[in-house]
Amino acid sequence: MITRRRLVGAAGIAALSAGGGLIWREQRKAVAATADLPSTLPLGTRNQAVLDALPGKKPLIKLTYRAPNYETPLDYFGTTLTPNDAFFVRYHLANIPVIDAKQWRLRVGGDGANKELELTLNDLRKMPAAETVAINQCSGNRRGLFDPHVAGVQWGYGAMGCARWKGALLKDVIEKVGLKKEAVEVVLDGADGPVAEATPDFVKSIPVAKALGETTIIAYEMNGEPLPHWHGFPARLVVPGWTGTYWVKHLTSIRAVTAPFTGFWMKSAYRLPSGKFPMVERFFTQETITTTPITEMMVNSLITSHTDGETVRAGRVKIAGLAWDGGYGIRAVDVSTDGGEAWEPATLGEDLGRHAFRPWTYTLLARRGKSTVTVRASNALGQSQATSLIANPAGYHHNLMQTVTLEVRR
């Protein structure tokens, strides 16, 4: 059950919806006082966030309506797989068509392919099916927690989710048209589009090597159900390990190209200062001297059982959460109760694959007063979460170790 307290702690919002979307002034004042966001955020950045339900969805935290950007409250991260109706929603553009699966066609070709063809949804379903459990995380997850503040959708902790995806391997689709040796990237476009003519269409590219990998799929199912509308029906790209910007929804076009793609969402957006983050998988054909495209997720963790400022009873308190990375595998989760001076191992839970959330638990011996819990995840490469925030203009890759303070009473 989502409570007012849990919503505030999960997302740091500064208002709740009431009476069909009406935000009461008294609520806004009360919640703003406990919001888990830096006080430097400008007025209005997140204080208009409300709980709202899109068709087919449970109430999520609405940050913007056009385009729809809805965050998952912390309560829904109690399991490794995130329910479809609680999964976060991310769009850049507001023109989102409702697609008739019988009329839908996927065009495959480009100057880097030997031929062109069109596939129907039935054609995709007839191909050998691949299945993977993978996290879809917005590149800007936790952007609202950056201090100093940066512009963009002010996500809290919930611009992510983990699902079981099923579909056809992208490489099998590409093999149907054949790839020329000159091909360097694969360009992907979806049916969603801009409302204004001057707004660039959301088109992305990935390296050929990533397109031909064994985990990149064109998914038509999500958690055992047909892909929901808000998650790209009838088919979307799934790029396990890489941030959600590459997971193109409502897929309509796949083009192999012989020169690096120069669209806005590659050339200008979703870029990082070079050398800032320990990315193993890089997008070399899109790199410049000063910037590099964002690619894989950084190692991270989240406390899901408790929120900052929560009151607990003295004694043994079970702390639980999730850990994840770009697909190298979580090696350990450690917990500190003394501000990082000493660390103890948490217990890792079920392993649904290297691209999935890894649950963890830790038993805290809570004594009366205040008790802090800091969590740090590390992966099989030896990478750990950041101890200080890594600043970048777009607010990407927030993987600062999380600390919650608990009020312990008898």
Protein backbone atom coordinates (compact mmCIF):
# COMPACT_ATOMS: atom_id res chain seq x y z
CA MET A 1 0.00 0.00 0.00
CA ILE A 2 1.31 3.46 -0.88
CA THR A 3 1.16 5.79 2.09
CA ARG A 4 1.78 9.50 2.13
CA ARG A 5 4.96 8.98 4.15
CA ARG A 6 6.33 6.33 1.78
CA LEU A 7 5.63 8.49 -1.26
CA VAL A 8 7.53 11.42 0.18
CA GLY A 9 10.50 9.31 1.14
CA ALA A 10 10.61 7.44 -2.15
CA ALA A 11 10.52 10.38 -4.48
CA GLY A 12 11.04 13.49 -2.41
CA ILE A 13 7.97 15.10 -3.92
CA ALA A 14 6.42 18.17 -2.41
CA ALA A 15 2.72 17.58 -2.96
CA LEU A 16 0.15 14.80 -3.18
CA SER A 17 -2.89 14.66 -5.40
CA ALA A 18 -6.32 14.91 -3.85
CA GLY A 19 -9.84 15.33 -5.15
CA GLY A 20 -9.00 14.23 -8.68
CA GLY A 21 -5.76 16.17 -9.01
CA LEU A 22 -6.40 19.19 -6.78
CA ILE A 23 -3.30 19.99 -4.72
CA TRP A 24 -4.21 21.36 -1.31
CA ARG A 25 -2.03 24.19 -0.03
CA GLU A 26 -1.85 22.64 3.44
CA GLN A 27 -0.57 19.38 1.99
CA ARG A 28 2.03 21.16 -0.09
CA LYS A 29 3.41 22.97 2.95
CA ALA A 30 3.46 19.86 5.12
CA VAL A 31 5.12 17.61 2.57
CA ALA A 32 7.64 20.18 1.36
CA ALA A 33 9.06 20.33 4.88
CA THR A 34 10.10 16.67 4.73
CA ALA A 35 10.93 16.31 1.05
CA ASP A 36 14.07 14.24 0.43
CA LEU A 37 15.54 16.70 -2.07
CA PRO A 38 18.23 19.38 -1.81
CA SER A 39 16.89 22.69 -0.54
CA THR A 40 18.60 24.37 -3.48
CA LEU A 41 15.95 23.12 -5.92
CA PRO A 42 14.11 26.12 -7.36
CA LEU A 43 10.50 26.66 -6.35
CA GLY A 44 8.18 24.71 -8.62
CA THR A 45 10.75 22.17 -9.81
CA ARG A 46 9.02 19.23 -8.11
CA ASN A 47 6.36 20.82 -5.95
CA GLN A 48 3.71 20.23 -8.60
CA ALA A 49 4.29 16.47 -8.71
CA VAL A 50 1.12 14.51 -7.95
CA LEU A 51 -0.05 10.93 -7.74
CA ASP A 52 -1.89 10.23 -10.97
CA ALA A 53 -2.97 7.10 -12.85
CA LEU A 54 -2.55 6.73 -16.59
CA PRO A 55 -4.94 4.28 -18.29
CA GLY A 56 -3.94 0.77 -17.29
CA LYS A 57 -1.61 2.03 -14.57
CA LYS A 58 -1.60 2.23 -10.80
CA PRO A 59 -1.12 5.73 -9.37
CA LEU A 60 2.42 6.88 -10.17
CA ILE A 61 4.25 10.13 -9.46
CA LYS A 62 3.42 12.45 -12.35
CA LEU A 63 6.27 14.82 -13.09
CA THR A 64 5.11 15.95 -16.55
CA TYR A 65 2.02 15.16 -18.58
CA ARG A 66 3.08 16.29 -22.06
CA ALA A 67 5.22 14.32 -22.68
CA PRO A 68 4.16 11.80 -19.99
CA ASN A 69 6.86 11.20 -17.38
CA TYR A 70 5.69 9.16 -14.40
CA GLU A 71 7.87 7.81 -11.62
CA THR A 72 7.43 4.55 -9.71
CA PRO A 73 6.88 5.03 -5.94
CA LEU A 74 9.26 3.16 -3.67
CA ASP A 75 6.56 0.74 -2.48
CA TYR A 76 6.61 -1.10 -5.81
CA PHE A 77 10.28 -2.05 -5.52
CA GLY A 78 9.62 -4.74 -2.94
CA THR A 79 10.13 -7.49 -5.54
CA THR A 80 12.86 -8.17 -8.10
CA LEU A 81 10.43 -7.79 -11.00
CA THR A 82 8.52 -4.51 -11.22
CA PRO A 83 4.81 -4.98 -12.07
CA ASN A 84 3.80 -3.67 -15.49
CA ASP A 85 1.11 -1.41 -14.06
CA ALA A 86 3.62 0.16 -11.64
CA PHE A 87 6.53 0.50 -14.09
CA PHE A 88 7.77 4.05 -14.69
CA VAL A 89 6.81 5.86 -17.91
CA ARG A 90 9.28 7.99 -19.90
CA TYR A 91 8.65 9.88 -23.14
CA HIS A 92 10.43 12.77 -24.81
CA LEU A 93 7.63 13.56 -27.26
CA ALA A 94 3.91 14.03 -26.72
CA ASN A 95 2.48 12.62 -29.96
CA ILE A 96 2.01 8.98 -28.96
CA PRO A 97 -0.25 7.04 -31.33
CA VAL A 98 -2.40 4.09 -30.34
CA ILE A 99 -1.19 1.39 -32.71
CA ASP A 100 -3.28 -1.32 -34.35
CA ALA A 101 -1.12 -4.44 -34.14
CA LYS A 102 -2.61 -5.82 -37.36
CA GLN A 103 -1.59 -2.72 -39.30
CA TRP A 104 1.83 -2.29 -37.68
CA ARG A 105 4.91 -2.80 -39.83
CA LEU A 106 8.61 -2.80 -38.98
CA ARG A 107 10.79 -1.55 -41.83
CA VAL A 108 14.33 -2.97 -41.94
CA GLY A 109 17.07 -1.80 -44.31
CA GLY A 110 19.38 1.20 -44.71
CA ASP A 111 22.46 1.90 -46.80
CA GLY A 112 24.43 -0.50 -44.60
CA ALA A 113 22.11 -3.41 -45.45
CA ASN A 114 22.02 -5.60 -48.54
CA LYS A 115 18.25 -5.33 -48.96
CA GLU A 116 15.07 -4.04 -47.33
CA LEU A 117 11.98 -5.76 -45.96
CA GLU A 118 8.92 -5.23 -43.79
CA LEU A 119 7.94 -7.41 -40.87
CA THR A 120 4.58 -7.80 -39.16
CA LEU A 121 4.10 -8.60 -35.49
CA ASN A 122 3.27 -12.19 -36.49
CA ASP A 123 6.54 -12.36 -38.42
CA LEU A 124 8.44 -11.36 -35.28
CA ARG A 125 6.57 -13.91 -33.18
CA LYS A 126 7.43 -16.69 -35.63
CA MET A 127 11.14 -16.04 -35.21
CA PRO A 128 13.15 -17.84 -32.49
CA ALA A 129 12.23 -16.19 -29.21
CA ALA A 130 14.74 -14.81 -26.72
CA GLU A 131 13.99 -13.91 -23.13
CA THR A 132 15.91 -11.81 -20.63
CA VAL A 133 15.38 -10.19 -17.25
CA ALA A 134 16.72 -6.66 -17.47
CA ILE A 135 16.53 -3.24 -15.84
CA ASN A 136 15.23 -0.30 -17.82
CA GLN A 137 16.58 2.81 -16.09
CA CYS A 138 16.27 6.37 -17.32
CA SER A 139 19.68 8.00 -17.77
CA GLY A 140 18.45 10.85 -15.55
CA ASN A 141 17.24 8.69 -12.65
CA ARG A 142 17.80 10.63 -9.38
CA ARG A 143 18.44 13.87 -11.31
CA GLY A 144 16.21 15.64 -8.80
CA LEU A 145 18.73 14.74 -6.08
CA PHE A 146 21.63 16.57 -7.75
CA ASP A 147 23.09 19.43 -5.74
CA PRO A 148 23.66 21.88 -7.28
CA HIS A 149 20.44 21.52 -9.26
CA VAL A 150 20.56 20.69 -12.97
CA ALA A 151 17.80 21.15 -15.54
CA GLY A 152 15.61 18.31 -16.84
CA VAL A 153 12.87 16.04 -15.55
CA GLN A 154 13.37 16.00 -11.78
CA TRP A 155 13.32 12.26 -11.20
CA GLY A 156 13.64 10.86 -7.71
CA TYR A 157 14.58 7.20 -7.15
CA GLY A 158 11.88 5.63 -9.29
CA ALA A 159 12.74 6.23 -12.96
CA MET A 160 13.60 2.56 -13.34
CA GLY A 161 12.14 -0.91 -13.27
CA CYS A 162 13.08 -4.53 -13.89
CA ALA A 163 11.04 -6.84 -16.12
CA ARG A 164 11.19 -10.13 -17.97
CA TRP A 165 11.31 -9.24 -21.68
CA LYS A 166 10.59 -11.61 -24.55
CA GLY A 167 11.03 -11.07 -28.25
CA ALA A 168 13.22 -11.68 -31.30
CA LEU A 169 16.94 -11.06 -31.22
CA LEU A 170 17.81 -7.88 -33.11
CA LYS A 171 20.68 -9.71 -34.79
CA ASP A 172 18.27 -12.28 -36.22
CA VAL A 173 16.18 -9.50 -37.76
CA ILE A 174 19.30 -7.83 -39.20
CA GLU A 175 20.45 -11.13 -40.67
CA LYS A 176 17.28 -11.18 -42.78
CA VAL A 177 18.51 -8.14 -44.74
CA GLY A 178 22.23 -8.83 -44.53
CA LEU A 179 24.82 -6.38 -43.22
CA LYS A 180 27.47 -4.74 -45.38
CA LYS A 181 31.00 -4.64 -44.03
CA GLU A 182 30.86 -0.83 -44.14
CA ALA A 183 28.01 -0.65 -41.62
CA VAL A 184 28.98 1.10 -38.37
CA GLU A 185 25.69 1.78 -36.56
CA VAL A 186 22.06 0.71 -36.49
CA VAL A 187 19.52 3.55 -36.34
CA LEU A 188 16.17 3.01 -34.61
CA ASP A 189 12.96 5.04 -34.85
CA GLY A 190 9.56 4.67 -33.21
CA ALA A 191 6.00 5.77 -33.91
CA ASP A 192 5.94 8.48 -31.22
CA GLY A 193 6.75 11.91 -32.56
CA PRO A 194 6.89 15.65 -31.85
CA VAL A 195 3.87 17.93 -31.67
CA ALA A 196 5.76 20.95 -33.01
CA GLU A 197 7.54 20.77 -36.35
CA ALA A 198 10.72 22.31 -34.95
CA THR A 199 11.11 19.58 -32.31
CA PRO A 200 13.52 16.83 -33.41
CA ASP A 201 12.07 13.34 -33.68
CA PHE A 202 13.37 10.87 -31.12
CA VAL A 203 15.72 8.67 -33.14
CA LYS A 204 18.64 6.74 -31.65
CA SER A 205 21.50 4.60 -32.88
CA ILE A 206 23.59 1.82 -31.35
CA PRO A 207 26.93 0.35 -32.48
CA VAL A 208 26.76 -2.60 -34.86
CA ALA A 209 28.47 -4.78 -32.25
CA LYS A 210 25.71 -4.02 -29.75
CA ALA A 211 23.01 -4.65 -32.34
CA LEU A 212 24.50 -8.06 -33.10
CA GLY A 213 24.90 -9.01 -29.44
CA GLU A 214 23.17 -11.96 -27.81
CA THR A 215 21.10 -9.87 -25.39
CA THR A 216 19.67 -7.04 -27.53
CA ILE A 217 16.10 -7.94 -28.48
CA ILE A 218 12.99 -6.53 -30.10
CA ALA A 219 10.55 -7.24 -27.29
CA TYR A 220 6.83 -7.86 -27.75
CA GLU A 221 6.18 -9.21 -24.24
CA MET A 222 6.81 -7.75 -20.79
CA ASN A 223 6.48 -9.92 -17.68
CA GLY A 224 4.56 -12.54 -19.63
CA GLU A 225 2.03 -10.12 -21.13
CA PRO A 226 1.83 -8.33 -24.49
CA LEU A 227 3.91 -5.18 -24.32
CA PRO A 228 1.71 -2.46 -22.74
CA HIS A 229 0.95 0.73 -24.63
CA TRP A 230 3.02 2.94 -22.29
CA HIS A 231 6.01 0.65 -22.75
CA GLY A 232 6.16 0.57 -26.52
CA PHE A 233 3.38 -1.63 -27.91
CA PRO A 234 3.59 -3.59 -30.09
CA ALA A 235 7.40 -3.88 -30.05
CA ARG A 236 10.33 -2.03 -28.53
CA LEU A 237 14.08 -2.35 -28.35
CA VAL A 238 15.58 -3.81 -25.18
CA VAL A 239 19.29 -3.13 -24.62
CA PRO A 240 20.21 -4.83 -21.35
CA GLY A 241 22.88 -3.03 -19.35
CA TRP A 242 22.53 0.26 -21.22
CA THR A 243 20.41 3.16 -20.00
CA GLY A 244 16.85 3.56 -21.22
CA THR A 245 17.58 6.20 -23.85
CA TYR A 246 18.41 3.38 -26.29
CA TRP A 247 15.29 1.35 -25.52
CA VAL A 248 13.25 2.80 -28.40
CA LYS A 249 9.48 2.26 -28.00
CA HIS A 250 6.78 1.62 -30.65
CA LEU A 251 9.56 0.55 -33.00
CA THR A 252 8.85 1.19 -36.71
CA SER A 253 12.23 1.42 -38.41
CA ILE A 254 15.64 -0.26 -38.22
CA ARG A 255 18.36 1.09 -40.52
CA ALA A 256 21.95 -0.07 -40.80
CA VAL A 257 24.10 2.92 -41.76
CA THR A 258 27.65 3.36 -43.04
CA ALA A 259 28.35 6.67 -41.28
CA PRO A 260 27.76 7.76 -37.68
CA PHE A 261 24.19 9.00 -37.16
CA THR A 262 24.02 12.76 -36.50
CA GLY A 263 20.47 13.21 -35.17
CA PHE A 264 19.90 15.55 -32.22
CA TRP A 265 19.32 12.80 -29.65
CA MET A 266 22.74 11.34 -30.46
CA LYS A 267 24.89 14.31 -31.46
CA SER A 268 23.68 16.78 -28.83
CA ALA A 269 21.71 14.93 -26.15
CA TYR A 270 22.57 12.09 -23.76
CA ARG A 271 26.25 12.92 -23.67
CA LEU A 272 28.77 13.02 -20.84
CA PRO A 273 32.08 14.81 -20.38
CA SER A 274 34.81 12.40 -21.49
CA GLY A 275 36.56 10.46 -18.75
CA LYS A 276 34.05 11.22 -15.99
CA PHE A 277 32.64 7.72 -15.52
CA PRO A 278 34.18 4.22 -15.63
CA MET A 279 32.24 3.01 -18.66
CA VAL A 280 33.55 -0.26 -20.07
CA GLU A 281 31.30 -0.40 -23.13
CA ARG A 282 31.83 2.76 -25.14
CA PHE A 283 30.22 4.09 -28.30
CA PHE A 284 33.39 4.96 -30.22
CA THR A 285 31.83 6.15 -33.48
CA GLN A 286 29.87 8.79 -31.54
CA GLU A 287 32.70 10.06 -29.34
CA THR A 288 34.34 13.49 -29.64
CA ILE A 289 37.39 14.95 -27.91
CA THR A 290 35.26 16.46 -25.14
CA THR A 291 32.14 14.27 -24.84
CA THR A 292 31.00 10.68 -25.08
CA PRO A 293 27.53 9.16 -25.37
CA ILE A 294 26.07 7.67 -22.23
CA THR A 295 26.04 3.87 -22.46
CA GLU A 296 25.95 1.38 -19.58
CA MET A 297 24.49 1.92 -16.12
CA MET A 298 26.82 2.55 -13.19
CA VAL A 299 26.82 0.24 -10.16
CA ASN A 300 24.12 1.38 -7.73
CA SER A 301 21.86 0.39 -4.86
CA LEU A 302 18.63 1.49 -3.20
CA ILE A 303 17.10 1.02 0.23
CA THR A 304 13.48 0.00 -0.38
CA SER A 305 12.30 -1.03 3.08
CA HIS A 306 12.67 2.29 4.88
CA THR A 307 12.73 6.00 4.11
CA ASP A 308 14.75 8.83 5.56
CA GLY A 309 13.31 9.97 8.90
CA GLU A 310 11.15 6.87 9.40
CA THR A 311 10.39 5.78 12.94
CA VAL A 312 11.19 2.18 13.94
CA ARG A 313 11.12 0.20 17.19
CA ALA A 314 14.35 -0.59 18.99
CA GLY A 315 15.71 -4.07 18.39
CA ARG A 316 16.36 -6.07 15.24
CA VAL A 317 15.23 -4.17 12.15
CA LYS A 318 15.33 -5.81 8.72
CA ILE A 319 16.70 -3.41 6.12
CA ALA A 320 16.13 -4.45 2.50
CA GLY A 321 16.84 -3.10 -0.93
CA LEU A 322 18.10 -3.65 -4.46
CA ALA A 323 21.47 -3.45 -6.20
CA TRP A 324 22.36 -3.41 -9.90
CA ASP A 325 24.93 -2.39 -12.50
CA GLY A 326 25.52 -2.48 -16.25
CA GLY A 327 25.49 -6.26 -16.45
CA TYR A 328 28.79 -7.33 -14.89
CA GLY A 329 27.06 -8.77 -11.84
CA ILE A 330 26.71 -7.57 -8.26
CA ARG A 331 29.52 -9.02 -6.14
CA ALA A 332 28.61 -7.54 -2.77
CA VAL A 333 26.44 -5.08 -0.89
CA ASP A 334 27.91 -3.62 2.29
CA VAL A 335 26.22 -1.61 5.02
CA SER A 336 27.67 0.96 7.41
CA THR A 337 25.95 2.23 10.54
CA ASP A 338 28.73 4.64 11.59
CA GLY A 339 29.01 6.98 8.64
CA GLY A 340 31.31 4.79 6.57
CA GLU A 341 34.00 4.00 9.13
CA ALA A 342 33.17 0.29 9.24
CA TRP A 343 31.24 -1.93 6.82
CA GLU A 344 29.40 -5.21 7.20
CA PRO A 345 28.16 -7.47 4.39
CA ALA A 346 24.48 -7.64 3.54
CA THR A 347 22.93 -10.92 2.41
CA LEU A 348 22.31 -11.14 -1.33
CA GLY A 349 18.98 -12.57 -2.53
CA GLU A 350 17.75 -14.30 -5.69
CA ASP A 351 19.82 -13.93 -8.84
CA LEU A 352 17.62 -13.60 -11.95
CA GLY A 353 20.58 -12.78 -14.18
CA ARG A 354 23.36 -10.26 -14.51
CA HIS A 355 21.06 -7.56 -15.94
CA ALA A 356 18.43 -7.85 -13.20
CA PHE A 357 17.98 -6.20 -9.83
CA ARG A 358 19.77 -8.14 -7.07
CA PRO A 359 17.84 -7.96 -3.77
CA TRP A 360 19.71 -7.74 -0.48
CA THR A 361 18.88 -7.71 3.24
CA TYR A 362 20.65 -6.61 6.41
CA THR A 363 19.64 -6.92 10.06
CA LEU A 364 20.20 -3.71 12.00
CA LEU A 365 20.43 -3.76 15.79
CA ALA A 366 18.65 -0.45 16.39
CA ARG A 367 19.10 1.40 19.67
CA ARG A 368 16.99 4.27 20.94
CA GLY A 369 17.79 7.59 19.30
CA LYS A 370 18.95 8.15 15.73
CA SER A 371 20.44 5.39 13.62
CA THR A 372 22.00 5.87 10.17
CA VAL A 373 22.26 3.23 7.47
CA THR A 374 24.55 3.71 4.47
CA VAL A 375 24.61 1.20 1.62
CA ARG A 376 27.35 0.53 -0.91
CA ALA A 377 27.18 -1.94 -3.82
CA SER A 378 30.13 -3.28 -5.79
CA ASN A 379 30.26 -5.41 -8.91
CA ALA A 380 32.37 -8.21 -10.36
CA LEU A 381 34.73 -5.68 -11.98
CA GLY A 382 35.53 -4.18 -8.59
CA GLN A 383 33.57 -0.99 -9.28
CA SER A 384 31.75 0.58 -6.32
CA GLN A 385 29.27 3.37 -5.86
CA ALA A 386 30.49 6.95 -5.79
CA THR A 387 31.41 8.46 -2.43
CA SER A 388 30.87 11.98 -3.78
CA LEU A 389 28.50 13.11 -6.50
CA ILE A 390 30.04 13.13 -9.99
CA ALA A 391 28.84 16.41 -11.47
CA ASN A 392 27.81 16.58 -15.12
CA PRO A 393 25.60 19.11 -16.95
CA ALA A 394 22.64 16.77 -17.64
CA GLY A 395 22.50 15.08 -14.24
CA TYR A 396 23.20 11.54 -15.43
CA HIS A 397 24.52 8.52 -13.54
CA HIS A 398 23.59 9.54 -9.99
CA ASN A 399 25.06 6.61 -8.06
CA LEU A 400 26.00 8.27 -4.81
CA MET A 401 25.82 5.91 -1.83
CA GLN A 402 22.46 6.31 -0.11
CA THR A 403 22.06 7.03 3.59
CA VAL A 404 18.82 6.96 5.59
CA THR A 405 18.42 8.13 9.16
CA LEU A 406 15.96 6.22 11.31
CA GLU A 407 14.26 7.48 14.46
CA VAL A 408 14.47 4.59 16.92
CA ARG A 409 11.91 4.38 19.73
CA ARG A 410 11.09 1.75 22.33
